[in-house]
N, C-alpha and C. Protein backbone atom coordinates (compact mmCIF):
# COMPACT_ATOMS: atom_id res chain seq x y z
N MET A 1 7.12 -10.31 0.02
CA MET A 1 5.89 -9.57 -0.16
C MET A 1 6.06 -8.63 -1.35
N LYS A 2 5.14 -8.70 -2.29
CA LYS A 2 5.18 -7.85 -3.46
C LYS A 2 4.81 -6.42 -3.09
N GLN A 3 5.55 -5.45 -3.62
CA GLN A 3 5.24 -4.05 -3.34
C GLN A 3 4.49 -3.45 -4.52
N ILE A 4 3.43 -2.68 -4.20
CA ILE A 4 2.62 -2.01 -5.21
C ILE A 4 2.53 -0.54 -4.83
N THR A 5 1.99 0.27 -5.74
CA THR A 5 1.77 1.68 -5.42
C THR A 5 0.30 1.89 -5.07
N ILE A 6 0.00 2.99 -4.42
CA ILE A 6 -1.39 3.30 -4.08
C ILE A 6 -2.23 3.44 -5.35
N TYR A 7 -1.61 3.88 -6.43
CA TYR A 7 -2.34 4.06 -7.69
C TYR A 7 -2.78 2.73 -8.28
N ASP A 8 -2.10 1.63 -7.95
CA ASP A 8 -2.53 0.29 -8.38
C ASP A 8 -3.84 -0.09 -7.70
N LEU A 9 -4.08 0.41 -6.50
CA LEU A 9 -5.29 0.06 -5.74
C LEU A 9 -6.49 0.94 -6.04
N LEU A 10 -6.27 2.16 -6.51
CA LEU A 10 -7.38 3.10 -6.68
C LEU A 10 -8.56 2.54 -7.47
N PRO A 11 -8.33 1.83 -8.58
CA PRO A 11 -9.49 1.30 -9.32
C PRO A 11 -10.28 0.25 -8.55
N LEU A 12 -9.68 -0.35 -7.53
CA LEU A 12 -10.34 -1.40 -6.76
C LEU A 12 -11.11 -0.88 -5.55
N LEU A 13 -10.91 0.38 -5.20
CA LEU A 13 -11.51 0.95 -3.99
C LEU A 13 -12.83 1.64 -4.29
N LYS A 14 -13.69 1.69 -3.28
CA LYS A 14 -14.92 2.47 -3.39
C LYS A 14 -14.56 3.94 -3.41
N SER A 15 -15.48 4.76 -3.92
CA SER A 15 -15.26 6.20 -3.92
C SER A 15 -15.06 6.69 -2.49
N GLY A 16 -14.20 7.67 -2.34
CA GLY A 16 -13.86 8.22 -1.03
C GLY A 16 -12.53 8.92 -1.14
N TYR A 17 -11.67 8.70 -0.17
CA TYR A 17 -10.35 9.33 -0.13
C TYR A 17 -9.32 8.34 0.39
N VAL A 18 -8.08 8.47 -0.08
CA VAL A 18 -6.97 7.74 0.49
C VAL A 18 -5.93 8.76 0.95
N ALA A 19 -5.23 8.42 2.01
CA ALA A 19 -4.19 9.30 2.54
C ALA A 19 -3.16 8.48 3.30
N TYR A 20 -1.95 9.01 3.35
CA TYR A 20 -0.84 8.36 4.04
C TYR A 20 -0.71 8.97 5.43
N ASP A 21 -0.60 8.11 6.45
CA ASP A 21 -0.57 8.59 7.83
C ASP A 21 0.25 7.63 8.68
N ASN A 22 1.31 8.12 9.28
CA ASN A 22 2.14 7.32 10.20
C ASN A 22 2.58 5.97 9.62
N GLY A 23 3.03 5.98 8.39
CA GLY A 23 3.58 4.77 7.78
C GLY A 23 2.58 3.85 7.12
N ASN A 24 1.32 4.25 7.04
CA ASN A 24 0.29 3.40 6.42
C ASN A 24 -0.60 4.22 5.50
N TRP A 25 -1.13 3.54 4.49
CA TRP A 25 -2.16 4.14 3.63
C TRP A 25 -3.52 3.77 4.20
N TRP A 26 -4.45 4.74 4.20
CA TRP A 26 -5.80 4.55 4.72
C TRP A 26 -6.82 4.99 3.69
N TRP A 27 -7.97 4.30 3.65
CA TRP A 27 -9.12 4.71 2.84
C TRP A 27 -10.16 5.27 3.79
N TYR A 28 -10.78 6.40 3.39
CA TYR A 28 -11.83 7.06 4.18
C TYR A 28 -13.07 7.24 3.33
N SER A 29 -14.24 7.05 3.92
CA SER A 29 -15.48 7.23 3.16
C SER A 29 -15.79 8.70 2.92
N ILE A 30 -15.37 9.58 3.83
CA ILE A 30 -15.51 11.03 3.63
C ILE A 30 -14.15 11.68 3.83
N LYS A 31 -14.02 12.90 3.36
CA LYS A 31 -12.72 13.58 3.39
C LYS A 31 -12.23 13.78 4.82
N PRO A 32 -11.04 13.26 5.13
CA PRO A 32 -10.48 13.45 6.47
C PRO A 32 -9.91 14.86 6.61
N ILE A 33 -9.66 15.26 7.84
CA ILE A 33 -9.12 16.58 8.14
C ILE A 33 -7.67 16.42 8.59
N ALA A 34 -6.79 17.28 8.05
CA ALA A 34 -5.39 17.25 8.45
C ALA A 34 -5.24 17.87 9.83
N SER A 35 -4.66 17.14 10.76
CA SER A 35 -4.44 17.63 12.11
C SER A 35 -2.95 17.87 12.33
N LYS A 36 -2.56 19.14 12.35
CA LYS A 36 -1.14 19.46 12.56
C LYS A 36 -0.71 19.07 13.96
N ARG A 37 -1.62 19.17 14.92
CA ARG A 37 -1.29 18.80 16.30
C ARG A 37 -0.95 17.31 16.40
N ARG A 38 -1.76 16.48 15.79
CA ARG A 38 -1.57 15.03 15.81
C ARG A 38 -0.55 14.58 14.77
N LYS A 39 -0.31 15.44 13.79
CA LYS A 39 0.56 15.13 12.65
C LYS A 39 0.04 13.92 11.89
N GLY A 40 -1.26 13.98 11.60
CA GLY A 40 -1.92 12.91 10.85
C GLY A 40 -3.34 13.32 10.49
N TRP A 41 -4.08 12.39 9.92
CA TRP A 41 -5.44 12.65 9.45
C TRP A 41 -6.46 12.30 10.53
N LEU A 42 -7.50 13.13 10.64
CA LEU A 42 -8.62 12.87 11.55
C LEU A 42 -9.84 12.54 10.72
N SER A 43 -10.59 11.58 11.19
CA SER A 43 -11.76 11.13 10.44
C SER A 43 -12.95 11.00 11.38
N LYS A 44 -13.76 12.04 11.45
CA LYS A 44 -14.96 12.00 12.28
C LYS A 44 -16.14 11.58 11.41
N ASN A 45 -16.96 10.69 11.93
CA ASN A 45 -18.17 10.22 11.24
C ASN A 45 -17.85 9.62 9.87
N SER A 46 -16.74 8.94 9.77
CA SER A 46 -16.33 8.34 8.51
C SER A 46 -15.96 6.88 8.73
N LYS A 47 -16.24 6.07 7.74
CA LYS A 47 -15.72 4.71 7.75
C LYS A 47 -14.30 4.79 7.22
N TYR A 48 -13.41 3.97 7.74
CA TYR A 48 -12.03 3.97 7.26
C TYR A 48 -11.44 2.58 7.41
N ILE A 49 -10.41 2.32 6.62
CA ILE A 49 -9.74 1.02 6.66
C ILE A 49 -8.27 1.22 6.31
N LYS A 50 -7.43 0.48 6.99
CA LYS A 50 -5.99 0.49 6.71
C LYS A 50 -5.74 -0.35 5.46
N LEU A 51 -5.16 0.24 4.44
CA LEU A 51 -4.99 -0.44 3.16
C LEU A 51 -3.77 -1.34 3.10
N ASN A 52 -2.79 -1.14 3.93
CA ASN A 52 -1.56 -1.94 3.86
C ASN A 52 -1.81 -3.42 4.11
N THR A 53 -2.97 -3.79 4.62
CA THR A 53 -3.26 -5.19 4.90
C THR A 53 -4.01 -5.88 3.76
N ILE A 54 -4.42 -5.13 2.74
CA ILE A 54 -5.15 -5.73 1.62
C ILE A 54 -4.22 -6.67 0.86
N GLU A 55 -4.66 -7.88 0.69
CA GLU A 55 -3.92 -8.93 -0.03
C GLU A 55 -2.50 -9.11 0.49
N LYS A 56 -2.23 -8.64 1.70
CA LYS A 56 -0.91 -8.77 2.34
C LYS A 56 0.22 -8.30 1.43
N LYS A 57 -0.02 -7.17 0.78
CA LYS A 57 1.00 -6.59 -0.08
C LYS A 57 1.46 -5.27 0.52
N ALA A 58 2.73 -4.98 0.35
CA ALA A 58 3.27 -3.72 0.84
C ALA A 58 2.96 -2.63 -0.18
N ILE A 59 2.46 -1.52 0.30
CA ILE A 59 2.18 -0.39 -0.57
C ILE A 59 3.33 0.60 -0.41
N THR A 60 3.86 1.06 -1.51
CA THR A 60 4.97 2.00 -1.49
C THR A 60 4.62 3.19 -0.61
N PRO A 61 5.52 3.57 0.30
CA PRO A 61 5.25 4.73 1.16
C PRO A 61 5.15 6.02 0.35
N PHE A 62 4.47 7.01 0.93
CA PHE A 62 4.36 8.31 0.29
C PHE A 62 5.68 9.04 0.43
N ASP A 63 6.16 9.56 -0.67
CA ASP A 63 7.44 10.28 -0.67
C ASP A 63 7.16 11.78 -0.60
N GLY A 64 7.03 12.30 0.59
CA GLY A 64 6.74 13.71 0.78
C GLY A 64 6.07 13.94 2.11
N ASP A 65 5.54 15.13 2.29
CA ASP A 65 4.85 15.50 3.52
C ASP A 65 3.49 14.82 3.57
N TRP A 66 3.12 14.24 4.70
CA TRP A 66 1.86 13.51 4.83
C TRP A 66 0.66 14.38 4.44
N LYS A 67 0.74 15.70 4.65
CA LYS A 67 -0.38 16.59 4.33
C LYS A 67 -0.66 16.66 2.83
N ASP A 68 0.32 16.25 2.02
CA ASP A 68 0.17 16.29 0.57
C ASP A 68 -0.28 14.94 -0.01
N SER A 69 -0.56 13.97 0.83
CA SER A 69 -0.85 12.61 0.36
C SER A 69 -2.31 12.36 0.03
N LEU A 70 -3.21 13.25 0.38
CA LEU A 70 -4.65 13.02 0.20
C LEU A 70 -5.01 12.90 -1.28
N ILE A 71 -5.70 11.82 -1.63
CA ILE A 71 -6.13 11.56 -3.01
C ILE A 71 -7.63 11.26 -2.98
N LYS A 72 -8.39 11.92 -3.85
CA LYS A 72 -9.82 11.63 -3.96
C LYS A 72 -10.00 10.44 -4.90
N VAL A 73 -10.81 9.48 -4.47
CA VAL A 73 -11.11 8.29 -5.27
C VAL A 73 -12.51 8.45 -5.83
N GLU A 74 -12.63 8.49 -7.15
CA GLU A 74 -13.93 8.66 -7.80
C GLU A 74 -14.12 7.58 -8.85
N HIS A 75 -15.33 7.09 -8.93
CA HIS A 75 -15.70 6.14 -9.98
C HIS A 75 -17.04 6.59 -10.52
N LYS A 76 -17.12 6.89 -11.79
CA LYS A 76 -18.36 7.40 -12.39
C LYS A 76 -19.52 6.44 -12.27
N GLU A 77 -19.25 5.15 -12.30
CA GLU A 77 -20.34 4.17 -12.23
C GLU A 77 -21.01 4.14 -10.86
N GLU A 78 -20.36 4.67 -9.82
CA GLU A 78 -20.95 4.69 -8.48
C GLU A 78 -21.89 5.86 -8.28
N GLU A 79 -21.83 6.88 -9.11
CA GLU A 79 -22.64 8.08 -8.93
C GLU A 79 -24.07 7.90 -9.33
């Protein structure tokens, strides 16, 4: 399985947010909330998808604290 970085996927994703949570990268349609109790991201009223299954490629894990993994995905053409 070929390994890629999350930054390789950003141009292919719809606007929203990506974040690393419990060993997987996730895309969220609206900004998720960091839950220290759960030690992961909470997403109320948001569409979300696990990105590690896209094209069956492994995405490099986040090297750091999960709370620092949130990335905003923006595309000017979608606005």
